[in-house]
Structure formats: structure tokens, C-alpha cells
Amino acid sequence: MADRSGPHGIVTLVCLTCGQEQFFEHTVPNAPKCPKCGGTVFRSFATPTEPDEASIAQAEDQARSISYGDASPDTTGDDVRDLDSR
């Protein structure tokens, strides 16, 4: 039988006005307010603390190779030369 308590993790709210972060482990308030600037608009990020099939699949889908010599996605040689300040 499935665990009915839902996924376990941490929710991070980032204030869009000042960038202050707030972390919640259990429940997120209905109307959070930023303690730094008083803002009420946030971007939320859910971070699982226990692996499950969905979080493993998401990590695999978002992973990219970091081997030496690998090109960045959608980067051409001209793009790299444009960044060279010499």
C-alpha cells in the first residue's frame, strides 16, 4: 500500500522582491510574508529528502554530462569566441 502522507521534502520560498529564502519542512503558510522586506510574492522550490521514482526520473532527465571537453548545449564555436576578451 502506498504511503498516504505524501512525498517527504523541504519547500523553499524565495521572495521575488529581495531574494530572501524561507524553508518549510511540514506545511507552507497560506499567506507567507517576507521577514526582510514584507513582500508577499514568492517562487517555490520543492526538494525531496527521500528518493522516489519521480525525483529519480527528474534528476536523470535534468542531468547533463560534465566530462572534460564536453560542449555546452546550444553553444557554437562563435559563441565561445565572442566571450573571449582578448
Protein backbone atom coordinates (compact mmCIF):
# COMPACT_ATOMS: atom_id res chain seq x y z
CA MET A 1 0.00 0.00 0.00
CA ALA A 2 1.26 3.50 -0.86
CA ASP A 3 2.36 5.97 1.78
CA ARG A 4 -0.56 8.40 2.11
CA SER A 5 1.44 11.11 3.86
CA GLY A 6 2.87 12.21 0.50
CA PRO A 7 6.42 12.86 -0.54
CA HIS A 8 8.88 13.97 2.10
CA GLY A 9 10.98 17.05 1.48
CA ILE A 10 11.62 20.72 2.02
CA VAL A 11 9.82 23.59 0.33
CA THR A 12 11.88 26.71 -0.26
CA LEU A 13 10.13 30.02 -0.87
CA VAL A 14 12.24 32.75 -2.48
CA CYS A 15 10.96 36.32 -2.24
CA LEU A 16 10.78 37.87 -5.71
CA THR A 17 11.41 41.35 -4.29
CA CYS A 18 14.56 40.82 -2.23
CA GLY A 19 15.62 37.18 -2.71
CA GLN A 20 15.18 36.18 0.96
CA GLU A 21 14.72 32.42 1.34
CA GLN A 22 12.35 30.68 3.75
CA PHE A 23 12.39 26.91 4.34
CA PHE A 24 9.43 24.77 5.38
CA GLU A 25 9.51 21.06 6.26
CA HIS A 26 5.86 20.41 7.09
CA THR A 27 3.36 22.94 5.79
CA VAL A 28 3.66 26.22 3.95
CA PRO A 29 1.53 29.09 5.30
CA ASN A 30 -1.41 30.18 3.14
CA ALA A 31 -0.24 33.82 3.01
CA PRO A 32 3.52 33.94 3.70
CA LYS A 33 5.18 37.29 4.23
CA CYS A 34 8.87 38.02 3.74
CA PRO A 35 10.54 38.82 7.08
CA LYS A 36 13.09 41.05 5.35
CA CYS A 37 11.04 43.30 3.03
CA GLY A 38 7.42 42.36 3.73
CA GLY A 39 6.88 41.05 0.21
CA THR A 40 4.11 38.56 -0.47
CA VAL A 41 5.12 37.13 -3.87
CA PHE A 42 7.37 34.08 -3.79
CA ARG A 43 8.78 31.46 -6.11
CA SER A 44 8.61 28.00 -4.61
CA PHE A 45 11.01 25.08 -4.99
CA ALA A 46 10.27 21.60 -3.67
CA THR A 47 13.31 19.50 -2.77
CA PRO A 48 12.69 15.84 -1.92
CA THR A 49 14.66 14.48 1.02
CA GLU A 50 13.86 10.84 0.29
CA PRO A 51 14.31 9.40 -3.20
CA ASP A 52 11.25 8.14 -5.01
CA GLU A 53 10.63 7.18 -8.62
CA ALA A 54 9.54 10.70 -9.64
CA SER A 55 12.52 12.51 -8.09
CA ILE A 56 14.98 9.98 -9.51
CA ALA A 57 13.45 10.32 -13.01
CA GLN A 58 13.54 14.12 -12.76
CA ALA A 59 17.20 14.13 -11.73
CA GLU A 60 18.10 11.78 -14.59
CA ASP A 61 16.19 13.91 -17.12
CA GLN A 62 17.87 17.12 -15.99
CA ALA A 63 21.38 15.72 -15.68
CA ARG A 64 23.98 16.66 -18.23
CA SER A 65 27.41 15.32 -18.89
CA ILE A 66 30.21 17.17 -17.13
CA SER A 67 33.10 15.30 -18.66
CA TYR A 68 36.15 17.30 -19.69
CA GLY A 69 35.80 18.55 -23.25
CA ASP A 70 32.02 18.24 -23.46
CA ALA A 71 30.41 21.16 -25.22
CA SER A 72 27.67 23.14 -23.57
CA PRO A 73 24.25 22.60 -25.13
CA ASP A 74 23.43 25.02 -27.94
CA THR A 75 26.89 26.62 -27.80
CA THR A 76 28.77 27.18 -31.03
CA GLY A 77 32.42 27.98 -31.52
CA ASP A 78 31.46 31.54 -32.49
CA ASP A 79 29.65 31.95 -29.16
CA VAL A 80 32.78 30.94 -27.28
CA ARG A 81 34.97 33.31 -29.33
CA ASP A 82 32.55 36.18 -28.60
CA LEU A 83 33.15 35.67 -24.88
CA ASP A 84 36.95 35.79 -25.25
CA SER A 85 38.00 39.29 -24.14
CA ARG A 86 41.49 39.11 -25.69
